[in-house]
Amino acid sequence: GLFLSQAPDRIAAARVALETGAPAEVERAAHALRSSGAQIGASRVRAVCAEIESRAAGGHLTGVAELLASLERELGRYEAGESAGPS
């Protein structure tokens, strides 16, 4: 779906913002992903995005790279579940 097709670009944008020390941009990307994740019921994706967004909102980027890696793993799990169809 649209969420899964846009997620890699938003994660890439968050990584660039992280590398350049731009917490507001990290927060914006995480917020967009969290909102989209909530709409499709991806609760673990939403939870990781909320943590990234919270840290970035406070100007704290420590640990965000690890959270982005976790987010990518969660997206992979979600995508795998989606492609498997209903159980």
N, C-alpha and C. Protein backbone atom coordinates (compact mmCIF):
# COMPACT_ATOMS: atom_id res chain seq x y z
N GLY A 1 0.82 -1.19 0.00
CA GLY A 1 0.00 0.00 0.00
C GLY A 1 0.86 1.26 0.00
N LEU A 2 0.18 2.35 0.07
CA LEU A 2 0.84 3.66 0.03
C LEU A 2 1.80 3.83 1.21
N PHE A 3 1.37 3.40 2.40
CA PHE A 3 2.23 3.53 3.58
C PHE A 3 3.57 2.83 3.38
N LEU A 4 3.51 1.57 2.94
CA LEU A 4 4.74 0.80 2.76
C LEU A 4 5.60 1.36 1.63
N SER A 5 4.98 1.96 0.63
CA SER A 5 5.77 2.52 -0.46
C SER A 5 6.45 3.83 -0.06
N GLN A 6 5.84 4.57 0.87
CA GLN A 6 6.41 5.86 1.30
C GLN A 6 7.36 5.73 2.49
N ALA A 7 7.22 4.65 3.24
CA ALA A 7 8.00 4.50 4.47
C ALA A 7 9.51 4.57 4.25
N PRO A 8 10.07 3.88 3.24
CA PRO A 8 11.53 3.97 3.06
C PRO A 8 12.04 5.38 2.83
N ASP A 9 11.29 6.19 2.08
CA ASP A 9 11.71 7.58 1.85
C ASP A 9 11.65 8.39 3.13
N ARG A 10 10.64 8.15 3.95
CA ARG A 10 10.52 8.89 5.21
C ARG A 10 11.62 8.48 6.19
N ILE A 11 11.95 7.19 6.20
CA ILE A 11 13.06 6.74 7.06
C ILE A 11 14.37 7.34 6.57
N ALA A 12 14.56 7.37 5.26
CA ALA A 12 15.78 7.96 4.69
C ALA A 12 15.86 9.44 5.07
N ALA A 13 14.74 10.15 5.01
CA ALA A 13 14.72 11.57 5.38
C ALA A 13 15.08 11.73 6.85
N ALA A 14 14.57 10.83 7.69
CA ALA A 14 14.89 10.89 9.12
C ALA A 14 16.37 10.64 9.35
N ARG A 15 16.95 9.70 8.60
CA ARG A 15 18.39 9.41 8.74
C ARG A 15 19.24 10.62 8.34
N VAL A 16 18.88 11.26 7.24
CA VAL A 16 19.62 12.45 6.80
C VAL A 16 19.50 13.54 7.86
N ALA A 17 18.30 13.74 8.38
CA ALA A 17 18.09 14.75 9.41
C ALA A 17 18.89 14.41 10.66
N LEU A 18 18.96 13.13 11.00
CA LEU A 18 19.74 12.70 12.16
C LEU A 18 21.22 13.00 11.94
N GLU A 19 21.71 12.68 10.75
CA GLU A 19 23.13 12.90 10.44
C GLU A 19 23.49 14.38 10.44
N THR A 20 22.54 15.23 10.08
CA THR A 20 22.81 16.67 10.04
C THR A 20 22.41 17.38 11.34
N GLY A 21 21.93 16.59 12.32
CA GLY A 21 21.57 17.18 13.61
C GLY A 21 20.36 18.07 13.55
N ALA A 22 19.31 17.62 12.85
CA ALA A 22 18.09 18.42 12.70
C ALA A 22 16.91 17.69 13.36
N PRO A 23 16.78 17.82 14.70
CA PRO A 23 15.73 17.09 15.39
C PRO A 23 14.32 17.39 14.90
N ALA A 24 14.05 18.63 14.47
CA ALA A 24 12.70 18.97 13.99
C ALA A 24 12.34 18.15 12.75
N GLU A 25 13.34 17.91 11.90
CA GLU A 25 13.09 17.11 10.69
C GLU A 25 12.91 15.63 11.03
N VAL A 26 13.68 15.15 12.00
CA VAL A 26 13.51 13.77 12.47
C VAL A 26 12.10 13.61 13.03
N GLU A 27 11.70 14.57 13.85
CA GLU A 27 10.37 14.53 14.45
C GLU A 27 9.28 14.53 13.38
N ARG A 28 9.43 15.35 12.36
CA ARG A 28 8.43 15.45 11.29
C ARG A 28 8.29 14.12 10.55
N ALA A 29 9.41 13.50 10.22
CA ALA A 29 9.38 12.22 9.51
C ALA A 29 8.75 11.13 10.38
N ALA A 30 9.13 11.09 11.66
CA ALA A 30 8.57 10.09 12.57
C ALA A 30 7.08 10.30 12.77
N HIS A 31 6.66 11.55 12.85
CA HIS A 31 5.24 11.85 13.02
C HIS A 31 4.43 11.35 11.83
N ALA A 32 4.93 11.60 10.63
CA ALA A 32 4.24 11.15 9.42
C ALA A 32 4.13 9.62 9.41
N LEU A 33 5.21 8.95 9.76
CA LEU A 33 5.20 7.48 9.80
C LEU A 33 4.26 6.97 10.90
N ARG A 34 4.28 7.62 12.05
CA ARG A 34 3.42 7.19 13.15
C ARG A 34 1.95 7.34 12.77
N SER A 35 1.60 8.46 12.17
CA SER A 35 0.22 8.69 11.76
C SER A 35 -0.23 7.66 10.74
N SER A 36 0.60 7.41 9.76
CA SER A 36 0.27 6.42 8.73
C SER A 36 0.19 5.02 9.33
N GLY A 37 1.12 4.71 10.22
CA GLY A 37 1.11 3.41 10.87
C GLY A 37 -0.15 3.20 11.69
N ALA A 38 -0.62 4.26 12.34
CA ALA A 38 -1.84 4.17 13.14
C ALA A 38 -3.04 3.89 12.24
N GLN A 39 -3.07 4.51 11.07
CA GLN A 39 -4.20 4.33 10.15
C GLN A 39 -4.32 2.90 9.64
N ILE A 40 -3.20 2.20 9.54
CA ILE A 40 -3.26 0.83 9.01
C ILE A 40 -3.15 -0.22 10.12
N GLY A 41 -3.11 0.23 11.36
CA GLY A 41 -3.10 -0.71 12.48
C GLY A 41 -1.76 -1.35 12.77
N ALA A 42 -0.68 -0.72 12.35
CA ALA A 42 0.67 -1.25 12.62
C ALA A 42 1.13 -0.71 13.98
N SER A 43 0.68 -1.37 15.05
CA SER A 43 0.89 -0.83 16.39
C SER A 43 2.35 -0.76 16.81
N ARG A 44 3.15 -1.76 16.45
CA ARG A 44 4.58 -1.72 16.84
C ARG A 44 5.32 -0.64 16.05
N VAL A 45 4.97 -0.47 14.79
CA VAL A 45 5.55 0.61 13.99
C VAL A 45 5.19 1.94 14.65
N ARG A 46 3.94 2.09 15.02
CA ARG A 46 3.47 3.32 15.65
C ARG A 46 4.22 3.58 16.95
N ALA A 47 4.45 2.54 17.75
CA ALA A 47 5.13 2.71 19.03
C ALA A 47 6.59 3.16 18.85
N VAL A 48 7.29 2.57 17.90
CA VAL A 48 8.69 2.97 17.65
C VAL A 48 8.72 4.41 17.14
N CYS A 49 7.82 4.75 16.24
CA CYS A 49 7.77 6.12 15.72
C CYS A 49 7.47 7.12 16.83
N ALA A 50 6.59 6.75 17.74
CA ALA A 50 6.26 7.64 18.86
C ALA A 50 7.48 7.91 19.72
N GLU A 51 8.30 6.88 19.94
CA GLU A 51 9.52 7.05 20.74
C GLU A 51 10.51 7.96 20.01
N ILE A 52 10.68 7.75 18.71
CA ILE A 52 11.57 8.62 17.92
C ILE A 52 11.07 10.05 17.98
N GLU A 53 9.77 10.22 17.76
CA GLU A 53 9.17 11.55 17.75
C GLU A 53 9.35 12.25 19.10
N SER A 54 9.17 11.51 20.18
CA SER A 54 9.31 12.07 21.51
C SER A 54 10.75 12.54 21.78
N ARG A 55 11.70 11.69 21.44
CA ARG A 55 13.11 12.07 21.64
C ARG A 55 13.47 13.30 20.81
N ALA A 56 13.07 13.28 19.54
CA ALA A 56 13.41 14.39 18.65
C ALA A 56 12.73 15.68 19.09
N ALA A 57 11.50 15.59 19.57
CA ALA A 57 10.78 16.79 20.04
C ALA A 57 11.51 17.45 21.19
N GLY A 58 12.18 16.62 22.00
CA GLY A 58 12.96 17.15 23.12
C GLY A 58 14.37 17.54 22.72
N GLY A 59 14.68 17.39 21.43
CA GLY A 59 16.02 17.72 20.95
C GLY A 59 17.05 16.65 21.24
N HIS A 60 16.60 15.48 21.66
CA HIS A 60 17.51 14.38 22.00
C HIS A 60 17.54 13.36 20.88
N LEU A 61 18.68 13.25 20.22
CA LEU A 61 18.80 12.32 19.10
C LEU A 61 19.59 11.07 19.48
N THR A 62 20.02 10.98 20.74
CA THR A 62 20.75 9.80 21.20
C THR A 62 19.84 8.58 21.10
N GLY A 63 20.35 7.53 20.47
CA GLY A 63 19.58 6.30 20.34
C GLY A 63 18.62 6.27 19.17
N VAL A 64 18.47 7.38 18.46
CA VAL A 64 17.51 7.44 17.36
C VAL A 64 17.96 6.56 16.19
N ALA A 65 19.25 6.47 15.94
CA ALA A 65 19.73 5.61 14.85
C ALA A 65 19.30 4.16 15.10
N GLU A 66 19.42 3.71 16.35
CA GLU A 66 19.01 2.36 16.70
C GLU A 66 17.50 2.19 16.57
N LEU A 67 16.76 3.22 16.95
CA LEU A 67 15.30 3.17 16.81
C LEU A 67 14.89 3.12 15.34
N LEU A 68 15.62 3.84 14.48
CA LEU A 68 15.31 3.78 13.05
C LEU A 68 15.57 2.38 12.50
N ALA A 69 16.63 1.73 12.97
CA ALA A 69 16.91 0.36 12.55
C ALA A 69 15.79 -0.56 13.03
N SER A 70 15.33 -0.36 14.25
CA SER A 70 14.22 -1.14 14.79
C SER A 70 12.95 -0.90 13.97
N LEU A 71 12.73 0.35 13.59
CA LEU A 71 11.58 0.69 12.76
C LEU A 71 11.61 -0.05 11.43
N GLU A 72 12.80 -0.10 10.82
CA GLU A 72 12.92 -0.82 9.55
C GLU A 72 12.60 -2.31 9.74
N ARG A 73 13.04 -2.89 10.84
CA ARG A 73 12.72 -4.29 11.11
C ARG A 73 11.21 -4.49 11.29
N GLU A 74 10.59 -3.58 12.03
CA GLU A 74 9.14 -3.68 12.24
C GLU A 74 8.37 -3.53 10.94
N LEU A 75 8.83 -2.63 10.09
CA LEU A 75 8.18 -2.46 8.78
C LEU A 75 8.32 -3.72 7.95
N GLY A 76 9.48 -4.37 8.03
CA GLY A 76 9.69 -5.62 7.31
C GLY A 76 8.75 -6.70 7.80
N ARG A 77 8.57 -6.78 9.13
CA ARG A 77 7.65 -7.76 9.71
C ARG A 77 6.22 -7.47 9.27
N TYR A 78 5.86 -6.18 9.30
CA TYR A 78 4.50 -5.80 8.91
C TYR A 78 4.25 -6.13 7.43
N GLU A 79 5.24 -5.80 6.60
CA GLU A 79 5.11 -6.07 5.17
C GLU A 79 5.01 -7.57 4.91
N ALA A 80 5.80 -8.37 5.62
CA ALA A 80 5.75 -9.81 5.47
C ALA A 80 4.37 -10.34 5.86
N GLY A 81 3.82 -9.79 6.91
CA GLY A 81 2.48 -10.19 7.35
C GLY A 81 1.42 -9.80 6.35
N GLU A 82 1.58 -8.63 5.75
CA GLU A 82 0.63 -8.16 4.75
C GLU A 82 0.67 -9.04 3.51
N SER A 83 1.87 -9.40 3.08
CA SER A 83 1.99 -10.19 1.85
C SER A 83 1.54 -11.63 2.05
N ALA A 84 1.50 -12.08 3.32
CA ALA A 84 1.05 -13.44 3.61
C ALA A 84 -0.47 -13.55 3.52
N GLY A 85 -1.15 -12.41 3.59
CA GLY A 85 -2.60 -12.41 3.51
C GLY A 85 -3.22 -12.78 4.84
N PRO A 86 -4.55 -12.89 4.87
CA PRO A 86 -5.22 -13.19 6.14
C PRO A 86 -4.87 -14.59 6.63
N SER A 87 -4.82 -14.74 7.95
CA SER A 87 -4.48 -16.05 8.49
C SER A 87 -5.72 -16.78 8.98
